[in-house]
Amino acid sequence: MSGAHISTGDMLRERVASGDELGSKVADLMASGQLVPDELVNRLVEDRIELPDSANGFILDGYPRTVPQAEILTGMLEGKGIGPMVVHLKVDYNKIIARLSGRRQCPQCGSLYSLASNAPNIAEVCDYCGSQLVIREDDREDVIRGRLDAYDRQTKPVLEFFRQSGVECQDVDGNDGSPQAISQRICGLIQERRMAAGK
């Protein structure tokens, strides 16, 4: 499947790593589990979907998270003649907390690990470059719980907005199976939609 995978979380972390004033503000918000202001995230997404690798389609990961973001995105996509599909990954909150708090990242090469499903060969050491793995600030349990609270308040209404707007919404059970198996389910839905649209 061609197309870009656009993660607003990755874009924001890159901004934090830049060390500029805006990056410092974003770092403080992310470390406390708060959402970054819509205006900034909307601008990052709009710039990103203009890049050439998005021309054949793209997956937005972690966006939109609020109804105002969804309204802006709908306008962006309509302006480009793009009909979106929403994939709602349904997972029990206790499983989410266990999965995210069990993630580790290599600060040198960026490799990601899961202590449950993709643990490094040597505990807490990167398989590729031998660096000590770290827990990202936004993967600490207290921060994850804060993010889930924010989701309940701000993101659940986004699904209702899209459904009321007539956007195709697909629920996918993410409680069981490997990340690869869940990804295959999602890719299957996207492929079926493309075939139905004659693409």
Protein backbone atom coordinates (compact mmCIF):
# COMPACT_ATOMS: atom_id res chain seq x y z
CA MET A 1 0.00 0.00 0.00
CA SER A 2 1.46 3.35 -1.02
CA GLY A 3 1.01 6.61 0.83
CA ALA A 4 2.51 8.51 3.73
CA HIS A 5 2.18 7.66 7.42
CA ILE A 6 1.83 11.02 9.15
CA SER A 7 2.20 10.96 12.91
CA THR A 8 1.51 14.25 14.63
CA GLY A 9 3.29 12.85 17.70
CA ASP A 10 6.47 12.31 15.66
CA MET A 11 6.22 15.80 14.15
CA LEU A 12 5.82 17.34 17.60
CA ARG A 13 8.72 15.32 19.05
CA GLU A 14 10.90 16.52 16.17
CA ARG A 15 9.94 20.08 17.07
CA VAL A 16 10.84 19.44 20.71
CA ALA A 17 14.20 18.02 19.63
CA SER A 18 14.89 21.22 17.67
CA GLY A 19 15.22 23.01 21.01
CA ASP A 20 13.64 26.28 19.85
CA GLU A 21 11.16 28.32 21.89
CA LEU A 22 8.12 26.63 20.36
CA GLY A 23 9.69 23.22 20.93
CA SER A 24 10.17 24.04 24.61
CA LYS A 25 6.49 24.98 24.98
CA VAL A 26 5.45 21.77 23.24
CA ALA A 27 7.78 19.76 25.50
CA ASP A 28 6.14 21.16 28.65
CA LEU A 29 2.65 20.35 27.35
CA MET A 30 3.55 16.82 26.24
CA ALA A 31 5.38 16.02 29.48
CA SER A 32 2.25 16.86 31.47
CA GLY A 33 -0.07 14.91 29.15
CA GLN A 34 -1.84 18.01 27.81
CA LEU A 35 -2.80 18.45 24.18
CA VAL A 36 -0.84 20.85 21.98
CA PRO A 37 -2.94 23.84 20.74
CA ASP A 38 -5.02 23.15 17.63
CA GLU A 39 -3.59 26.05 15.64
CA LEU A 40 -0.07 24.62 15.78
CA VAL A 41 -1.06 21.04 15.02
CA ASN A 42 -3.33 22.10 12.14
CA ARG A 43 -0.48 24.06 10.57
CA LEU A 44 1.94 21.14 10.88
CA VAL A 45 -0.57 18.75 9.27
CA GLU A 46 -1.48 21.12 6.45
CA ASP A 47 2.20 21.62 5.59
CA ARG A 48 2.88 17.89 5.81
CA ILE A 49 0.10 16.72 3.46
CA GLU A 50 1.45 19.07 0.79
CA LEU A 51 4.66 17.00 0.51
CA PRO A 52 5.01 14.73 -2.55
CA ASP A 53 4.78 11.43 -0.62
CA SER A 54 1.19 12.29 0.36
CA ALA A 55 -0.02 12.61 -3.23
CA ASN A 56 -1.25 8.98 -3.40
CA GLY A 57 -2.94 9.07 -0.02
CA PHE A 58 -1.89 9.25 3.61
CA ILE A 59 -2.72 7.95 7.06
CA LEU A 60 -3.07 10.51 9.83
CA ASP A 61 -1.96 9.01 13.14
CA GLY A 62 -2.98 10.94 16.27
CA TYR A 63 -4.95 13.62 14.42
CA PRO A 64 -7.56 15.05 14.66
CA ARG A 65 -8.01 14.87 18.43
CA THR A 66 -10.56 17.65 18.89
CA VAL A 67 -13.73 18.69 17.06
CA PRO A 68 -12.17 22.02 15.93
CA GLN A 69 -9.23 20.05 14.46
CA ALA A 70 -11.72 17.73 12.71
CA GLU A 71 -13.58 20.73 11.26
CA ILE A 72 -10.32 22.21 9.92
CA LEU A 73 -9.25 18.83 8.50
CA THR A 74 -12.62 18.34 6.78
CA GLY A 75 -12.21 21.70 5.07
CA MET A 76 -8.62 20.87 4.05
CA LEU A 77 -9.64 17.53 2.54
CA GLU A 78 -12.71 18.89 0.78
CA GLY A 79 -10.52 21.55 -0.80
CA LYS A 80 -8.31 18.80 -2.20
CA GLY A 81 -11.20 16.54 -3.28
CA ILE A 82 -10.19 13.83 -0.78
CA GLY A 83 -12.88 11.61 0.76
CA PRO A 84 -11.60 10.46 4.17
CA MET A 85 -12.18 7.23 6.06
CA VAL A 86 -11.91 7.11 9.84
CA VAL A 87 -10.51 3.99 11.53
CA HIS A 88 -11.46 3.82 15.20
CA LEU A 89 -9.16 1.39 17.00
CA LYS A 90 -11.07 0.14 20.03
CA VAL A 91 -8.85 -1.04 22.91
CA ASP A 92 -9.53 -1.51 26.63
CA TYR A 93 -7.87 1.30 28.61
CA ASN A 94 -6.01 -1.12 30.90
CA LYS A 95 -4.43 -2.72 27.83
CA ILE A 96 -3.49 0.69 26.46
CA ILE A 97 -1.74 1.63 29.71
CA ALA A 98 0.12 -1.70 29.82
CA ARG A 99 1.22 -1.40 26.18
CA LEU A 100 2.37 2.21 26.27
CA SER A 101 4.11 2.05 29.65
CA GLY A 102 5.96 -1.02 28.32
CA ARG A 103 7.39 0.85 25.34
CA ARG A 104 11.08 1.68 25.14
CA GLN A 105 12.96 3.79 22.61
CA CYS A 106 16.58 4.05 21.61
CA PRO A 107 17.70 7.69 22.03
CA GLN A 108 20.42 7.22 19.39
CA CYS A 109 18.84 5.40 16.41
CA GLY A 110 15.15 5.81 17.31
CA SER A 111 14.28 2.08 17.35
CA LEU A 112 11.11 1.25 19.28
CA TYR A 113 10.56 -1.79 21.47
CA SER A 114 7.67 -3.30 23.39
CA LEU A 115 8.50 -5.27 26.51
CA ALA A 116 5.44 -7.45 25.81
CA SER A 117 5.77 -8.21 22.11
CA ASN A 118 9.09 -6.92 20.75
CA ALA A 119 11.58 -6.90 23.62
CA PRO A 120 15.28 -6.25 22.93
CA ASN A 121 17.62 -9.25 23.03
CA ILE A 122 19.40 -7.76 26.06
CA ALA A 123 17.13 -6.05 28.59
CA GLU A 124 16.99 -2.25 28.14
CA VAL A 125 19.71 -2.27 25.43
CA CYS A 126 19.13 -1.45 21.74
CA ASP A 127 19.67 -4.45 19.42
CA TYR A 128 21.00 -2.20 16.65
CA CYS A 129 23.41 0.26 18.26
CA GLY A 130 23.85 -0.96 21.84
CA SER A 131 22.56 2.24 23.46
CA GLN A 132 20.64 2.20 26.74
CA LEU A 133 16.89 2.33 26.03
CA VAL A 134 14.71 5.02 27.58
CA ILE A 135 11.07 5.52 28.50
CA ARG A 136 9.64 8.48 26.62
CA GLU A 137 8.15 11.15 28.88
CA ASP A 138 4.74 10.67 27.27
CA ASP A 139 4.86 6.89 27.98
CA ARG A 140 4.94 7.29 31.79
CA GLU A 141 1.80 5.82 33.39
CA ASP A 142 0.63 9.07 34.99
CA VAL A 143 0.99 10.87 31.65
CA ILE A 144 -0.84 8.07 29.81
CA ARG A 145 -3.75 8.32 32.25
CA GLY A 146 -3.82 12.08 31.64
CA ARG A 147 -3.93 11.47 27.89
CA LEU A 148 -6.80 8.99 28.28
CA ASP A 149 -8.72 11.54 30.36
CA ALA A 150 -8.12 14.12 27.62
CA TYR A 151 -9.30 11.57 25.04
CA ASP A 152 -12.57 11.05 26.88
CA ARG A 153 -13.21 14.78 27.12
CA GLN A 154 -12.04 15.91 23.71
CA THR A 155 -11.53 13.11 21.20
CA LYS A 156 -14.61 10.89 21.59
CA PRO A 157 -16.77 13.77 20.30
CA VAL A 158 -14.61 13.74 17.13
CA LEU A 159 -16.01 10.33 16.17
CA GLU A 160 -19.53 11.63 16.63
CA PHE A 161 -18.68 14.69 14.50
CA PHE A 162 -17.41 12.51 11.64
CA ARG A 163 -20.38 10.14 11.85
CA GLN A 164 -22.84 13.03 11.77
CA SER A 165 -20.90 14.54 8.84
CA GLY A 166 -21.36 11.35 6.81
CA VAL A 167 -17.69 10.34 6.87
CA GLU A 168 -17.15 6.57 6.63
CA CYS A 169 -16.11 5.28 10.09
CA GLN A 170 -14.78 1.78 10.68
CA ASP A 171 -14.43 0.27 14.15
CA VAL A 172 -11.49 -2.15 14.53
CA ASP A 173 -11.01 -4.36 17.60
CA GLY A 174 -7.46 -3.78 18.80
CA ASN A 175 -7.65 -5.81 22.01
CA ASP A 176 -6.27 -9.05 20.60
CA GLY A 177 -3.61 -9.99 18.10
CA SER A 178 -0.16 -8.66 17.32
CA PRO A 179 0.34 -5.10 16.06
CA GLN A 180 1.07 -6.64 12.65
CA ALA A 181 -2.24 -8.56 12.64
CA ILE A 182 -4.20 -5.46 13.66
CA SER A 183 -2.38 -3.46 10.99
CA GLN A 184 -3.37 -6.07 8.38
CA ARG A 185 -7.03 -5.72 9.39
CA ILE A 186 -6.84 -1.97 8.91
CA CYS A 187 -4.99 -2.28 5.59
CA GLY A 188 -7.67 -4.72 4.42
CA LEU A 189 -10.40 -2.16 5.12
CA ILE A 190 -8.47 0.55 3.26
CA GLN A 191 -7.88 -1.77 0.30
CA GLU A 192 -11.58 -2.71 0.14
CA ARG A 193 -12.50 0.97 0.08
CA ARG A 194 -10.00 1.68 -2.69
CA MET A 195 -11.36 -1.21 -4.75
CA ALA A 196 -14.93 -0.01 -4.21
CA ALA A 197 -13.86 3.45 -5.42
CA GLY A 198 -12.11 1.93 -8.46
CA LYS A 199 -8.64 3.06 -7.40
